[in-house]
Amino acid sequence: MAVSDASGVLARPLEVVHGTSLRNQWTALLAVIARFRTEDEDLAAVVVGVPKRLDGSATDFTPAALDFIERLSKKLPVPVVPLDERLTSVEAESLLARRERDWARRKANLDAAAAAVLLQEYLDTHPRMTLT
């Protein structure tokens, strides 16, 4: 998971949600979102990566991701935005490799870093409106 700063300009890794079962993963995910909403009431949306092949076609995991997005959108009062996640892990790995040479340490942070890459892509293409 990743979050943006209050201005909606910069994304940063938050954490990786783990669970021994799908039910536990749902519980953990919703708990993180609830905790975040309690700490920062300005949650505008939740961005979820949709896996696609390099040519843009669906992968075997795409239907499950779309089902997850639909189910999550029914549980949250904010929009759940699907976003193409092609190459986010590759970009995250490249960024992490600049700071950390140990693969095991990079691997532990890879999913959260990929989430930050995905969120940053969303923030860059959906700038917040500023009032002047």
C-alpha atoms as a PDB file:
ATOM      1  CA  MET A   1       0.000   0.000   0.000  1.00  0.00           C
ATOM      2  CA  ALA A   2       1.027   3.610  -0.527  1.00  0.00           C
ATOM      3  CA  VAL A   3      -0.321   7.020   0.460  1.00  0.00           C
ATOM      4  CA  SER A   4       0.140  10.540  -0.809  1.00  0.00           C
ATOM      5  CA  ASP A   5       1.124  13.630   1.081  1.00  0.00           C
ATOM      6  CA  ALA A   6      -1.606  16.046   2.154  1.00  0.00           C
ATOM      7  CA  SER A   7      -1.193  18.088  -1.021  1.00  0.00           C
ATOM      8  CA  GLY A   8      -1.814  15.041  -3.228  1.00  0.00           C
ATOM      9  CA  VAL A   9       1.489  15.536  -5.044  1.00  0.00           C
ATOM     10  CA  LEU A  10       3.905  12.904  -3.704  1.00  0.00           C
ATOM     11  CA  ALA A  11       3.316   9.203  -3.099  1.00  0.00           C
ATOM     12  CA  ARG A  12       5.195   7.140  -0.535  1.00  0.00           C
ATOM     13  CA  PRO A  13       5.141   3.454   0.377  1.00  0.00           C
ATOM     14  CA  LEU A  14       3.014   2.681   3.431  1.00  0.00           C
ATOM     15  CA  GLU A  15       3.047  -1.050   4.104  1.00  0.00           C
ATOM     16  CA  VAL A  16       2.400  -4.480   2.667  1.00  0.00           C
ATOM     17  CA  VAL A  17      -0.842  -6.139   3.743  1.00  0.00           C
ATOM     18  CA  HIS A  18      -0.357  -9.784   4.682  1.00  0.00           C
ATOM     19  CA  GLY A  19      -2.809 -12.477   5.673  1.00  0.00           C
ATOM     20  CA  THR A  20      -2.916 -16.247   5.870  1.00  0.00           C
ATOM     21  CA  SER A  21      -6.245 -16.332   4.062  1.00  0.00           C
ATOM     22  CA  LEU A  22      -8.269 -14.115   1.774  1.00  0.00           C
ATOM     23  CA  ARG A  23     -10.524 -13.250   4.718  1.00  0.00           C
ATOM     24  CA  ASN A  24      -7.517 -12.213   6.819  1.00  0.00           C
ATOM     25  CA  GLN A  25      -6.167 -10.128   3.946  1.00  0.00           C
ATOM     26  CA  TRP A  26      -9.517  -8.322   3.620  1.00  0.00           C
ATOM     27  CA  THR A  27      -9.599  -7.692   7.367  1.00  0.00           C
ATOM     28  CA  ALA A  28      -6.032  -6.363   7.357  1.00  0.00           C
ATOM     29  CA  LEU A  29      -6.637  -4.169   4.314  1.00  0.00           C
ATOM     30  CA  LEU A  30      -9.822  -2.631   5.693  1.00  0.00           C
ATOM     31  CA  ALA A  31      -8.103  -2.060   9.047  1.00  0.00           C
ATOM     32  CA  VAL A  32      -5.267  -0.136   7.375  1.00  0.00           C
ATOM     33  CA  ILE A  33      -7.738   1.970   5.393  1.00  0.00           C
ATOM     34  CA  ALA A  34      -9.829   2.628   8.524  1.00  0.00           C
ATOM     35  CA  ARG A  35      -6.707   3.598  10.476  1.00  0.00           C
ATOM     36  CA  PHE A  36      -5.613   5.917   7.697  1.00  0.00           C
ATOM     37  CA  ARG A  37      -9.057   7.519   7.450  1.00  0.00           C
ATOM     38  CA  THR A  38      -9.021   8.108  11.212  1.00  0.00           C
ATOM     39  CA  GLU A  39      -5.597   9.761  11.045  1.00  0.00           C
ATOM     40  CA  ASP A  40      -6.271  11.734   7.856  1.00  0.00           C
ATOM     41  CA  GLU A  41      -9.888  12.497   7.043  1.00  0.00           C
ATOM     42  CA  ASP A  42      -8.986  13.733   3.569  1.00  0.00           C
ATOM     43  CA  LEU A  43      -8.949  10.305   1.911  1.00  0.00           C
ATOM     44  CA  ALA A  44     -10.077  11.174  -1.611  1.00  0.00           C
ATOM     45  CA  ALA A  45      -9.804   7.802  -3.357  1.00  0.00           C
ATOM     46  CA  VAL A  46      -8.241   4.364  -3.270  1.00  0.00           C
ATOM     47  CA  VAL A  47      -6.195   3.421  -6.341  1.00  0.00           C
ATOM     48  CA  VAL A  48      -5.893  -0.292  -7.141  1.00  0.00           C
ATOM     49  CA  GLY A  49      -3.557  -1.793  -9.708  1.00  0.00           C
ATOM     50  CA  VAL A  50      -4.983  -3.923 -12.496  1.00  0.00           C
ATOM     51  CA  PRO A  51      -2.531  -6.438 -13.975  1.00  0.00           C
ATOM     52  CA  LYS A  52      -2.185  -6.381 -17.751  1.00  0.00           C
ATOM     53  CA  ARG A  53       0.192  -7.831 -20.302  1.00  0.00           C
ATOM     54  CA  LEU A  54       2.647  -5.535 -22.045  1.00  0.00           C
ATOM     55  CA  ASP A  55       0.295  -5.366 -25.046  1.00  0.00           C
ATOM     56  CA  GLY A  56      -2.521  -4.159 -22.756  1.00  0.00           C
ATOM     57  CA  SER A  57      -4.522  -7.379 -22.832  1.00  0.00           C
ATOM     58  CA  ALA A  58      -5.856  -9.042 -19.700  1.00  0.00           C
ATOM     59  CA  THR A  59      -3.801 -11.541 -17.714  1.00  0.00           C
ATOM     60  CA  ASP A  60      -5.132 -14.507 -15.775  1.00  0.00           C
ATOM     61  CA  PHE A  61      -5.208 -12.233 -12.699  1.00  0.00           C
ATOM     62  CA  THR A  62      -7.130  -9.336 -14.282  1.00  0.00           C
ATOM     63  CA  PRO A  63     -10.639 -10.709 -13.560  1.00  0.00           C
ATOM     64  CA  ALA A  64      -9.759 -11.270  -9.890  1.00  0.00           C
ATOM     65  CA  ALA A  65      -8.400  -7.724  -9.622  1.00  0.00           C
ATOM     66  CA  LEU A  66     -11.544  -6.253 -11.183  1.00  0.00           C
ATOM     67  CA  ASP A  67     -13.707  -8.335  -8.832  1.00  0.00           C
ATOM     68  CA  PHE A  68     -11.628  -7.083  -5.890  1.00  0.00           C
ATOM     69  CA  ILE A  69     -12.119  -3.477  -7.034  1.00  0.00           C
ATOM     70  CA  GLU A  70     -15.867  -3.971  -7.323  1.00  0.00           C
ATOM     71  CA  ARG A  71     -16.090  -5.562  -3.869  1.00  0.00           C
ATOM     72  CA  LEU A  72     -13.860  -2.924  -2.283  1.00  0.00           C
ATOM     73  CA  SER A  73     -15.875  -0.088  -3.822  1.00  0.00           C
ATOM     74  CA  LYS A  74     -18.971  -1.417  -2.051  1.00  0.00           C
ATOM     75  CA  LYS A  75     -17.183  -1.237   1.312  1.00  0.00           C
ATOM     76  CA  LEU A  76     -15.706   2.259   1.055  1.00  0.00           C
ATOM     77  CA  PRO A  77     -17.291   5.723   0.956  1.00  0.00           C
ATOM     78  CA  VAL A  78     -14.652   6.981  -1.503  1.00  0.00           C
ATOM     79  CA  PRO A  79     -14.069   6.038  -5.148  1.00  0.00           C
ATOM     80  CA  VAL A  80     -11.946   2.963  -5.858  1.00  0.00           C
ATOM     81  CA  VAL A  81      -9.977   3.733  -9.008  1.00  0.00           C
ATOM     82  CA  PRO A  82      -8.559   0.951 -11.213  1.00  0.00           C
ATOM     83  CA  LEU A  83      -5.182   1.736 -12.774  1.00  0.00           C
ATOM     84  CA  ASP A  84      -3.019  -0.256 -15.174  1.00  0.00           C
ATOM     85  CA  GLU A  85      -0.090  -1.598 -13.155  1.00  0.00           C
ATOM     86  CA  ARG A  86       2.143  -2.681 -16.043  1.00  0.00           C
ATOM     87  CA  LEU A  87       5.832  -2.334 -15.194  1.00  0.00           C
ATOM     88  CA  THR A  88       5.262  -0.790 -11.742  1.00  0.00           C
ATOM     89  CA  SER A  89       7.215  -3.605 -10.056  1.00  0.00           C
ATOM     90  CA  VAL A  90      10.049  -3.207 -12.570  1.00  0.00           C
ATOM     91  CA  GLU A  91      10.227   0.530 -11.897  1.00  0.00           C
ATOM     92  CA  ALA A  92      10.005  -0.010  -8.134  1.00  0.00           C
ATOM     93  CA  GLU A  93      12.793  -2.613  -8.252  1.00  0.00           C
ATOM     94  CA  SER A  94      14.964  -0.184 -10.194  1.00  0.00           C
ATOM     95  CA  LEU A  95      14.361   2.577  -7.649  1.00  0.00           C
ATOM     96  CA  LEU A  96      14.998   0.269  -4.689  1.00  0.00           C
ATOM     97  CA  ALA A  97      18.191  -1.124  -6.253  1.00  0.00           C
ATOM     98  CA  ARG A  98      19.700   2.369  -6.166  1.00  0.00           C
ATOM     99  CA  ARG A  99      19.390   2.434  -2.364  1.00  0.00           C
ATOM    100  CA  GLU A 100      19.655  -1.198  -1.305  1.00  0.00           C
ATOM    101  CA  ARG A 101      22.011  -3.814  -2.746  1.00  0.00           C
ATOM    102  CA  ASP A 102      20.636  -6.724  -0.711  1.00  0.00           C
ATOM    103  CA  TRP A 103      17.887  -8.445  -2.755  1.00  0.00           C
ATOM    104  CA  ALA A 104      16.151  -9.875   0.346  1.00  0.00           C
ATOM    105  CA  ARG A 105      15.736  -6.403   1.813  1.00  0.00           C
ATOM    106  CA  ARG A 106      14.535  -4.997  -1.514  1.00  0.00           C
ATOM    107  CA  LYS A 107      12.055  -7.860  -1.919  1.00  0.00           C
ATOM    108  CA  ALA A 108      10.505  -7.104   1.480  1.00  0.00           C
ATOM    109  CA  ASN A 109       9.726  -3.561   0.334  1.00  0.00           C
ATOM    110  CA  LEU A 110       8.949  -4.233  -3.320  1.00  0.00           C
ATOM    111  CA  ASP A 111       5.135  -4.426  -3.132  1.00  0.00           C
ATOM    112  CA  ALA A 112       4.810  -1.204  -1.123  1.00  0.00           C
ATOM    113  CA  ALA A 113       7.286   0.529  -3.449  1.00  0.00           C
ATOM    114  CA  ALA A 114       5.335  -0.670  -6.506  1.00  0.00           C
ATOM    115  CA  ALA A 115       2.155   0.677  -4.886  1.00  0.00           C
ATOM    116  CA  ALA A 116       3.888   4.045  -4.475  1.00  0.00           C
ATOM    117  CA  VAL A 117       4.917   4.009  -8.155  1.00  0.00           C
ATOM    118  CA  LEU A 118       1.312   3.241  -9.125  1.00  0.00           C
ATOM    119  CA  LEU A 119      -0.089   5.974  -6.884  1.00  0.00           C
ATOM    120  CA  GLN A 120       2.481   8.484  -8.138  1.00  0.00           C
ATOM    121  CA  GLU A 121       1.398   7.738 -11.703  1.00  0.00           C
ATOM    122  CA  TYR A 122      -2.210   8.439 -10.682  1.00  0.00           C
ATOM    123  CA  LEU A 123      -1.263  11.662  -8.868  1.00  0.00           C
ATOM    124  CA  ASP A 124       0.773  12.875 -11.843  1.00  0.00           C
ATOM    125  CA  THR A 125      -2.163  12.375 -14.212  1.00  0.00           C
ATOM    126  CA  HIS A 126      -4.885  13.630 -11.833  1.00  0.00           C
ATOM    127  CA  PRO A 127      -3.562  16.808 -10.205  1.00  0.00           C
ATOM    128  CA  ARG A 128      -5.602  18.241  -7.383  1.00  0.00           C
ATOM    129  CA  MET A 129      -7.399  21.499  -8.006  1.00  0.00           C
ATOM    130  CA  THR A 130      -5.954  24.352  -5.978  1.00  0.00           C
ATOM    131  CA  LEU A 131      -7.957  27.318  -4.790  1.00  0.00           C
ATOM    132  CA  THR A 132      -6.386  30.750  -5.202  1.00  0.00           C
END
